[in-house]
Amino acid sequence: MKKAKRYSDVLKELEDTLEKMNRGEIPIDELQNSVKEAAGKIQYLRQILRSTQAEVTKILKEIEEGSPEENG
């Protein structure tokens, strides 16, 4: 099974690709694949952000409601 990449690693890869695109370093023959890969990375990053946001929201809600130990 493939190990999930870290957010910062994928973001760096995406930034590198965008820099190459802006400098015109990606040949037109490779542009379509580069754009598809970049789009996949963006979707992956958004998924991580949504997951992280949900987890943080859950933790904050638990803090507001008090832990089970406090209510016992």
N, C-alpha and C. Protein backbone atom coordinates (compact mmCIF):
# COMPACT_ATOMS: atom_id res chain seq x y z
N MET A 1 0.85 -1.19 0.00
CA MET A 1 0.00 0.00 0.00
C MET A 1 0.89 1.24 0.00
N LYS A 2 0.47 2.22 -0.77
CA LYS A 2 1.23 3.46 -0.88
C LYS A 2 1.07 4.32 0.36
N LYS A 3 2.19 4.84 0.85
CA LYS A 3 2.14 5.71 2.03
C LYS A 3 1.66 7.10 1.60
N ALA A 4 0.77 7.68 2.38
CA ALA A 4 0.23 9.01 2.08
C ALA A 4 1.36 10.04 2.20
N LYS A 5 1.36 10.95 1.26
CA LYS A 5 2.37 12.00 1.28
C LYS A 5 1.95 13.10 2.25
N ARG A 6 2.96 13.74 2.79
CA ARG A 6 2.71 14.86 3.70
C ARG A 6 2.19 16.06 2.90
N TYR A 7 1.34 16.84 3.55
CA TYR A 7 0.76 18.03 2.94
C TYR A 7 1.86 18.94 2.40
N SER A 8 2.86 19.20 3.23
CA SER A 8 3.93 20.13 2.84
C SER A 8 4.71 19.62 1.64
N ASP A 9 4.89 18.30 1.53
CA ASP A 9 5.62 17.74 0.39
C ASP A 9 4.83 17.91 -0.91
N VAL A 10 3.54 17.63 -0.84
CA VAL A 10 2.69 17.76 -2.03
C VAL A 10 2.58 19.23 -2.43
N LEU A 11 2.45 20.11 -1.45
CA LEU A 11 2.37 21.54 -1.73
C LEU A 11 3.64 22.02 -2.43
N LYS A 12 4.79 21.55 -1.96
CA LYS A 12 6.07 21.93 -2.56
C LYS A 12 6.14 21.45 -4.02
N GLU A 13 5.70 20.21 -4.25
CA GLU A 13 5.68 19.67 -5.62
C GLU A 13 4.78 20.53 -6.52
N LEU A 14 3.62 20.91 -6.00
CA LEU A 14 2.69 21.74 -6.76
C LEU A 14 3.31 23.10 -7.06
N GLU A 15 3.93 23.70 -6.06
CA GLU A 15 4.59 24.99 -6.26
C GLU A 15 5.70 24.90 -7.30
N ASP A 16 6.47 23.82 -7.26
CA ASP A 16 7.54 23.62 -8.24
C ASP A 16 6.97 23.52 -9.66
N THR A 17 5.89 22.76 -9.79
CA THR A 17 5.25 22.61 -11.10
C THR A 17 4.74 23.96 -11.61
N LEU A 18 4.11 24.73 -10.74
CA LEU A 18 3.58 26.03 -11.14
C LEU A 18 4.70 26.99 -11.54
N GLU A 19 5.81 26.93 -10.82
CA GLU A 19 6.95 27.77 -11.19
C GLU A 19 7.47 27.40 -12.57
N LYS A 20 7.56 26.11 -12.85
CA LYS A 20 8.02 25.65 -14.17
C LYS A 20 7.06 26.11 -15.26
N MET A 21 5.77 26.04 -14.98
CA MET A 21 4.77 26.49 -15.95
C MET A 21 4.93 27.99 -16.22
N ASN A 22 5.08 28.76 -15.15
CA ASN A 22 5.22 30.21 -15.30
C ASN A 22 6.48 30.61 -16.06
N ARG A 23 7.53 29.81 -15.93
CA ARG A 23 8.77 30.10 -16.64
C ARG A 23 8.78 29.51 -18.05
N GLY A 24 7.73 28.78 -18.39
CA GLY A 24 7.66 28.17 -19.72
C GLY A 24 8.59 26.99 -19.88
N GLU A 25 8.91 26.31 -18.81
CA GLU A 25 9.85 25.20 -18.84
C GLU A 25 9.20 23.85 -19.10
N ILE A 26 7.88 23.83 -19.18
CA ILE A 26 7.20 22.57 -19.45
C ILE A 26 6.81 22.57 -20.92
N PRO A 27 7.35 21.62 -21.68
CA PRO A 27 7.03 21.55 -23.11
C PRO A 27 5.53 21.34 -23.32
N ILE A 28 5.02 21.88 -24.38
CA ILE A 28 3.60 21.79 -24.68
C ILE A 28 3.12 20.35 -24.72
N ASP A 29 3.99 19.43 -25.15
CA ASP A 29 3.63 18.01 -25.20
C ASP A 29 3.41 17.43 -23.81
N GLU A 30 3.97 18.03 -22.79
CA GLU A 30 3.85 17.54 -21.43
C GLU A 30 2.86 18.37 -20.59
N LEU A 31 2.39 19.47 -21.16
CA LEU A 31 1.56 20.41 -20.41
C LEU A 31 0.26 19.78 -19.92
N GLN A 32 -0.39 19.01 -20.78
CA GLN A 32 -1.67 18.40 -20.39
C GLN A 32 -1.48 17.49 -19.18
N ASN A 33 -0.46 16.64 -19.20
CA ASN A 33 -0.21 15.75 -18.07
C ASN A 33 0.17 16.53 -16.82
N SER A 34 0.95 17.59 -17.00
CA SER A 34 1.35 18.41 -15.85
C SER A 34 0.14 19.08 -15.20
N VAL A 35 -0.77 19.56 -16.02
CA VAL A 35 -1.98 20.19 -15.50
C VAL A 35 -2.85 19.16 -14.77
N LYS A 36 -2.98 17.96 -15.34
CA LYS A 36 -3.75 16.90 -14.68
C LYS A 36 -3.14 16.53 -13.34
N GLU A 37 -1.83 16.40 -13.30
CA GLU A 37 -1.15 16.08 -12.04
C GLU A 37 -1.33 17.19 -11.02
N ALA A 38 -1.22 18.43 -11.48
CA ALA A 38 -1.41 19.58 -10.58
C ALA A 38 -2.83 19.58 -10.02
N ALA A 39 -3.81 19.30 -10.85
CA ALA A 39 -5.21 19.26 -10.41
C ALA A 39 -5.40 18.16 -9.36
N GLY A 40 -4.78 17.02 -9.57
CA GLY A 40 -4.86 15.93 -8.60
C GLY A 40 -4.25 16.32 -7.27
N LYS A 41 -3.13 17.04 -7.33
CA LYS A 41 -2.48 17.50 -6.10
C LYS A 41 -3.35 18.51 -5.37
N ILE A 42 -4.00 19.38 -6.11
CA ILE A 42 -4.90 20.36 -5.49
C ILE A 42 -6.05 19.64 -4.79
N GLN A 43 -6.62 18.64 -5.44
CA GLN A 43 -7.71 17.88 -4.82
C GLN A 43 -7.23 17.18 -3.55
N TYR A 44 -6.04 16.60 -3.60
CA TYR A 44 -5.46 15.93 -2.44
C TYR A 44 -5.26 16.91 -1.28
N LEU A 45 -4.72 18.09 -1.59
CA LEU A 45 -4.48 19.10 -0.57
C LEU A 45 -5.79 19.58 0.04
N ARG A 46 -6.80 19.78 -0.77
CA ARG A 46 -8.11 20.19 -0.26
C ARG A 46 -8.70 19.13 0.65
N GLN A 47 -8.53 17.87 0.28
CA GLN A 47 -9.03 16.76 1.10
C GLN A 47 -8.36 16.79 2.48
N ILE A 48 -7.06 16.98 2.51
CA ILE A 48 -6.34 17.05 3.78
C ILE A 48 -6.84 18.23 4.60
N LEU A 49 -7.02 19.38 3.97
CA LEU A 49 -7.51 20.56 4.68
C LEU A 49 -8.89 20.33 5.28
N ARG A 50 -9.78 19.71 4.50
CA ARG A 50 -11.14 19.43 5.01
C ARG A 50 -11.08 18.47 6.19
N SER A 51 -10.25 17.45 6.07
CA SER A 51 -10.11 16.47 7.14
C SER A 51 -9.54 17.12 8.40
N THR A 52 -8.54 17.95 8.22
CA THR A 52 -7.93 18.64 9.35
C THR A 52 -8.92 19.59 10.00
N GLN A 53 -9.67 20.32 9.18
CA GLN A 53 -10.66 21.24 9.71
C GLN A 53 -11.72 20.49 10.53
N ALA A 54 -12.17 19.36 10.02
CA ALA A 54 -13.17 18.57 10.74
C ALA A 54 -12.62 18.08 12.07
N GLU A 55 -11.37 17.64 12.08
CA GLU A 55 -10.76 17.15 13.31
C GLU A 55 -10.59 18.27 14.33
N VAL A 56 -10.14 19.44 13.87
CA VAL A 56 -9.96 20.58 14.77
C VAL A 56 -11.32 21.01 15.34
N THR A 57 -12.33 21.06 14.49
CA THR A 57 -13.67 21.43 14.94
C THR A 57 -14.17 20.45 16.00
N LYS A 58 -13.93 19.16 15.78
CA LYS A 58 -14.33 18.14 16.75
C LYS A 58 -13.61 18.35 18.08
N ILE A 59 -12.32 18.60 18.03
CA ILE A 59 -11.55 18.80 19.25
C ILE A 59 -12.03 20.04 20.00
N LEU A 60 -12.26 21.13 19.27
CA LEU A 60 -12.74 22.36 19.92
C LEU A 60 -14.11 22.16 20.54
N LYS A 61 -14.97 21.40 19.87
CA LYS A 61 -16.30 21.12 20.42
C LYS A 61 -16.17 20.31 21.71
N GLU A 62 -15.27 19.34 21.71
CA GLU A 62 -15.05 18.54 22.92
C GLU A 62 -14.55 19.41 24.06
N ILE A 63 -13.68 20.36 23.75
CA ILE A 63 -13.16 21.26 24.77
C ILE A 63 -14.28 22.12 25.34
N GLU A 64 -15.13 22.66 24.45
CA GLU A 64 -16.23 23.51 24.90
C GLU A 64 -17.20 22.74 25.78
N GLU A 65 -17.47 21.48 25.42
CA GLU A 65 -18.42 20.68 26.17
C GLU A 65 -17.80 20.09 27.42
N GLY A 66 -16.49 20.13 27.50
CA GLY A 66 -15.79 19.54 28.65
C GLY A 66 -15.54 18.07 28.40
N SER A 67 -14.44 17.60 28.90
CA SER A 67 -14.10 16.20 28.72
C SER A 67 -14.96 15.34 29.64
N PRO A 68 -15.11 14.06 29.31
CA PRO A 68 -15.92 13.16 30.15
C PRO A 68 -15.42 13.11 31.58
N GLU A 69 -14.12 13.25 31.79
CA GLU A 69 -13.58 13.22 33.15
C GLU A 69 -14.11 14.39 33.97
N GLU A 70 -14.27 15.55 33.34
CA GLU A 70 -14.74 16.75 34.03
C GLU A 70 -16.21 16.64 34.40
N ASN A 71 -16.98 15.92 33.58
CA ASN A 71 -18.41 15.82 33.82
C ASN A 71 -18.76 14.68 34.77
N GLY A 72 -17.80 13.87 35.13
CA GLY A 72 -18.07 12.69 35.94
C GLY A 72 -18.14 12.98 37.35
